[in-house]
Structure formats: structure tokens, C-alpha cells
Amino acid sequence: MTTLIPLCVPFERRKEAARGGATFNGEQKCWMAHRDKLDALLPFVPYRYRPDRKARGGPHFSDRAISYHLA
């Protein structure tokens, strides 16, 4: 099963998103798409989910900040 991600779809462009394979989730009130089928939906994909963005190692906290909050 693939992961669904939320999309940023303006109201005026909802038909374009639907043609690209996105579905509207009425429960969450947002458009969703399968992570592995984003080619036609790139204009609507949030920056953090874009396939051309390199993955980083989690939140941007230093080790000192993490150990401080855990103590």
C-alpha cells in the first residue's frame, strides 16, 4: 500500500487535480494523492514531499537541545 500525502489545491484548480489522480478526502477536508504517482500533480505537491527534495535526518534540532528536553 502506498502512502497518501496532502496536496495544496486551490479551489479553482480542483478539476485539474482530479484529472491528475488526486482524490478529495471529505473527512480531512483536503486533497490527497499517492506518493508514488505525483508526476501530474507536482504543481500541488508541498515542498517537503517533492521527489526532487533530498531527505534530511529529521527535525532541525541540535543534540544539545534534544538532551536538554529529555533531561
N, C-alpha and C. Protein backbone atom coordinates (compact mmCIF):
# COMPACT_ATOMS: atom_id res chain seq x y z
N MET A 1 0.84 -1.19 0.00
CA MET A 1 0.00 0.00 0.00
C MET A 1 0.88 1.24 0.00
N THR A 2 0.51 2.22 -0.77
CA THR A 2 1.30 3.45 -0.85
C THR A 2 0.81 4.47 0.16
N THR A 3 1.67 5.41 0.45
CA THR A 3 1.35 6.46 1.40
C THR A 3 0.61 7.60 0.70
N LEU A 4 -0.45 8.07 1.31
CA LEU A 4 -1.17 9.22 0.79
C LEU A 4 -0.59 10.49 1.40
N ILE A 5 -0.42 11.50 0.58
CA ILE A 5 0.07 12.78 1.09
C ILE A 5 -0.95 13.87 0.77
N PRO A 6 -1.02 14.90 1.62
CA PRO A 6 -1.94 16.01 1.36
C PRO A 6 -1.39 16.91 0.26
N LEU A 7 -2.28 17.52 -0.49
CA LEU A 7 -1.90 18.43 -1.56
C LEU A 7 -2.42 19.83 -1.27
N CYS A 8 -1.81 20.81 -1.90
CA CYS A 8 -2.26 22.21 -1.80
C CYS A 8 -2.95 22.56 -3.11
N VAL A 9 -4.25 22.36 -3.15
CA VAL A 9 -5.02 22.55 -4.38
C VAL A 9 -5.94 23.76 -4.21
N PRO A 10 -5.72 24.82 -4.99
CA PRO A 10 -6.66 25.95 -4.96
C PRO A 10 -8.02 25.51 -5.48
N PHE A 11 -9.06 26.13 -4.99
CA PHE A 11 -10.43 25.77 -5.36
C PHE A 11 -10.63 25.79 -6.88
N GLU A 12 -10.06 26.79 -7.55
CA GLU A 12 -10.25 26.93 -9.00
C GLU A 12 -9.59 25.82 -9.79
N ARG A 13 -8.62 25.11 -9.20
CA ARG A 13 -7.87 24.10 -9.94
C ARG A 13 -8.21 22.68 -9.49
N ARG A 14 -9.31 22.49 -8.80
CA ARG A 14 -9.66 21.17 -8.28
C ARG A 14 -9.92 20.15 -9.38
N LYS A 15 -10.46 20.58 -10.52
CA LYS A 15 -10.71 19.65 -11.63
C LYS A 15 -9.40 19.16 -12.22
N GLU A 16 -8.41 20.04 -12.29
CA GLU A 16 -7.09 19.66 -12.79
C GLU A 16 -6.44 18.62 -11.87
N ALA A 17 -6.58 18.81 -10.57
CA ALA A 17 -6.03 17.85 -9.60
C ALA A 17 -6.74 16.51 -9.72
N ALA A 18 -8.04 16.52 -9.90
CA ALA A 18 -8.80 15.27 -10.04
C ALA A 18 -8.37 14.52 -11.29
N ARG A 19 -8.15 15.24 -12.39
CA ARG A 19 -7.68 14.59 -13.62
C ARG A 19 -6.30 13.97 -13.43
N GLY A 20 -5.49 14.56 -12.55
CA GLY A 20 -4.15 14.04 -12.29
C GLY A 20 -4.12 12.86 -11.34
N GLY A 21 -5.28 12.49 -10.79
CA GLY A 21 -5.35 11.33 -9.92
C GLY A 21 -5.55 11.63 -8.45
N ALA A 22 -5.69 12.88 -8.09
CA ALA A 22 -5.92 13.24 -6.69
C ALA A 22 -7.38 12.98 -6.31
N THR A 23 -7.61 12.70 -5.05
CA THR A 23 -8.97 12.50 -4.55
C THR A 23 -9.19 13.42 -3.36
N PHE A 24 -10.42 13.86 -3.21
CA PHE A 24 -10.75 14.73 -2.09
C PHE A 24 -11.17 13.87 -0.91
N ASN A 25 -10.53 14.09 0.22
CA ASN A 25 -10.86 13.37 1.45
C ASN A 25 -11.80 14.25 2.25
N GLY A 26 -13.08 13.92 2.27
CA GLY A 26 -14.08 14.72 2.96
C GLY A 26 -13.90 14.74 4.46
N GLU A 27 -13.37 13.67 5.01
CA GLU A 27 -13.15 13.60 6.46
C GLU A 27 -12.06 14.58 6.90
N GLN A 28 -10.95 14.64 6.13
CA GLN A 28 -9.84 15.54 6.46
C GLN A 28 -9.95 16.89 5.76
N LYS A 29 -10.91 17.02 4.86
CA LYS A 29 -11.14 18.26 4.11
C LYS A 29 -9.91 18.72 3.32
N CYS A 30 -9.28 17.78 2.63
CA CYS A 30 -8.13 18.14 1.79
C CYS A 30 -7.99 17.14 0.64
N TRP A 31 -7.24 17.53 -0.36
CA TRP A 31 -6.95 16.67 -1.50
C TRP A 31 -5.77 15.79 -1.13
N MET A 32 -5.84 14.53 -1.56
CA MET A 32 -4.80 13.56 -1.26
C MET A 32 -4.36 12.87 -2.55
N ALA A 33 -3.10 12.40 -2.54
CA ALA A 33 -2.58 11.65 -3.69
C ALA A 33 -1.60 10.60 -3.19
N HIS A 34 -1.44 9.56 -3.99
CA HIS A 34 -0.48 8.52 -3.66
C HIS A 34 0.93 9.06 -3.90
N ARG A 35 1.82 8.79 -2.98
CA ARG A 35 3.18 9.31 -3.03
C ARG A 35 3.92 8.88 -4.30
N ASP A 36 3.64 7.69 -4.81
CA ASP A 36 4.36 7.20 -5.98
C ASP A 36 3.73 7.64 -7.31
N LYS A 37 2.67 8.43 -7.28
CA LYS A 37 2.00 8.89 -8.51
C LYS A 37 1.84 10.40 -8.51
N LEU A 38 2.96 11.12 -8.37
CA LEU A 38 2.89 12.58 -8.24
C LEU A 38 3.28 13.34 -9.51
N ASP A 39 3.61 12.64 -10.58
CA ASP A 39 4.09 13.32 -11.78
C ASP A 39 3.13 14.38 -12.30
N ALA A 40 1.86 14.06 -12.42
CA ALA A 40 0.88 15.00 -12.95
C ALA A 40 0.43 16.03 -11.91
N LEU A 41 0.81 15.82 -10.65
CA LEU A 41 0.33 16.68 -9.56
C LEU A 41 1.42 17.56 -8.96
N LEU A 42 2.59 17.64 -9.57
CA LEU A 42 3.70 18.40 -8.99
C LEU A 42 3.36 19.86 -8.64
N PRO A 43 2.51 20.55 -9.40
CA PRO A 43 2.18 21.93 -9.01
C PRO A 43 1.47 22.01 -7.65
N PHE A 44 0.89 20.91 -7.19
CA PHE A 44 0.12 20.90 -5.95
C PHE A 44 0.84 20.24 -4.78
N VAL A 45 1.99 19.64 -5.04
CA VAL A 45 2.71 18.90 -4.00
C VAL A 45 3.47 19.87 -3.10
N PRO A 46 3.25 19.80 -1.79
CA PRO A 46 4.01 20.66 -0.87
C PRO A 46 5.51 20.39 -0.99
N TYR A 47 6.28 21.40 -0.71
CA TYR A 47 7.73 21.35 -0.88
C TYR A 47 8.35 20.14 -0.20
N ARG A 48 7.94 19.84 1.02
CA ARG A 48 8.59 18.76 1.76
C ARG A 48 8.34 17.37 1.17
N TYR A 49 7.32 17.22 0.32
CA TYR A 49 7.01 15.93 -0.28
C TYR A 49 7.49 15.82 -1.72
N ARG A 50 8.12 16.84 -2.25
CA ARG A 50 8.55 16.80 -3.65
C ARG A 50 9.64 15.76 -3.85
N PRO A 51 9.56 15.00 -4.94
CA PRO A 51 10.54 13.93 -5.17
C PRO A 51 11.96 14.46 -5.40
N ASP A 52 12.11 15.70 -5.85
CA ASP A 52 13.44 16.24 -6.10
C ASP A 52 14.11 16.80 -4.84
N ARG A 53 13.40 16.80 -3.73
CA ARG A 53 13.96 17.32 -2.48
C ARG A 53 14.68 16.19 -1.75
N LYS A 54 15.88 16.48 -1.28
CA LYS A 54 16.65 15.48 -0.57
C LYS A 54 16.12 15.31 0.84
N ALA A 55 16.10 14.08 1.30
CA ALA A 55 15.65 13.80 2.66
C ALA A 55 16.71 14.25 3.66
N ARG A 56 16.24 14.78 4.74
CA ARG A 56 17.15 15.19 5.81
C ARG A 56 16.92 14.29 7.01
N GLY A 57 17.80 14.37 7.96
CA GLY A 57 17.76 13.48 9.11
C GLY A 57 16.81 13.90 10.21
N GLY A 58 15.60 14.28 9.92
CA GLY A 58 14.62 14.58 10.95
C GLY A 58 14.57 16.05 11.28
N PRO A 59 14.02 16.36 12.45
CA PRO A 59 13.87 17.76 12.85
C PRO A 59 15.22 18.47 12.96
N HIS A 60 15.20 19.75 12.80
CA HIS A 60 16.43 20.54 12.83
C HIS A 60 16.75 20.99 14.25
N PHE A 61 17.07 20.03 15.09
CA PHE A 61 17.46 20.32 16.46
C PHE A 61 18.90 19.89 16.65
N SER A 62 19.61 20.60 17.46
CA SER A 62 20.96 20.16 17.79
C SER A 62 20.87 19.08 18.86
N ASP A 63 21.94 18.32 19.03
CA ASP A 63 21.97 17.28 20.06
C ASP A 63 21.79 17.88 21.44
N ARG A 64 22.33 19.07 21.64
CA ARG A 64 22.23 19.73 22.94
C ARG A 64 20.77 20.06 23.26
N ALA A 65 20.02 20.53 22.29
CA ALA A 65 18.62 20.88 22.53
C ALA A 65 17.80 19.62 22.85
N ILE A 66 18.10 18.52 22.19
CA ILE A 66 17.37 17.28 22.44
C ILE A 66 17.69 16.76 23.84
N SER A 67 18.98 16.73 24.19
CA SER A 67 19.34 16.21 25.51
C SER A 67 18.79 17.11 26.62
N TYR A 68 18.69 18.41 26.36
CA TYR A 68 18.15 19.34 27.36
C TYR A 68 16.68 19.01 27.64
N HIS A 69 15.92 18.75 26.58
CA HIS A 69 14.50 18.49 26.73
C HIS A 69 14.22 17.09 27.30
N LEU A 70 15.14 16.17 27.11
CA LEU A 70 14.97 14.83 27.63
C LEU A 70 15.37 14.71 29.10
N ALA A 71 16.18 15.66 29.58
CA ALA A 71 16.68 15.58 30.97
C ALA A 71 15.61 15.93 31.97
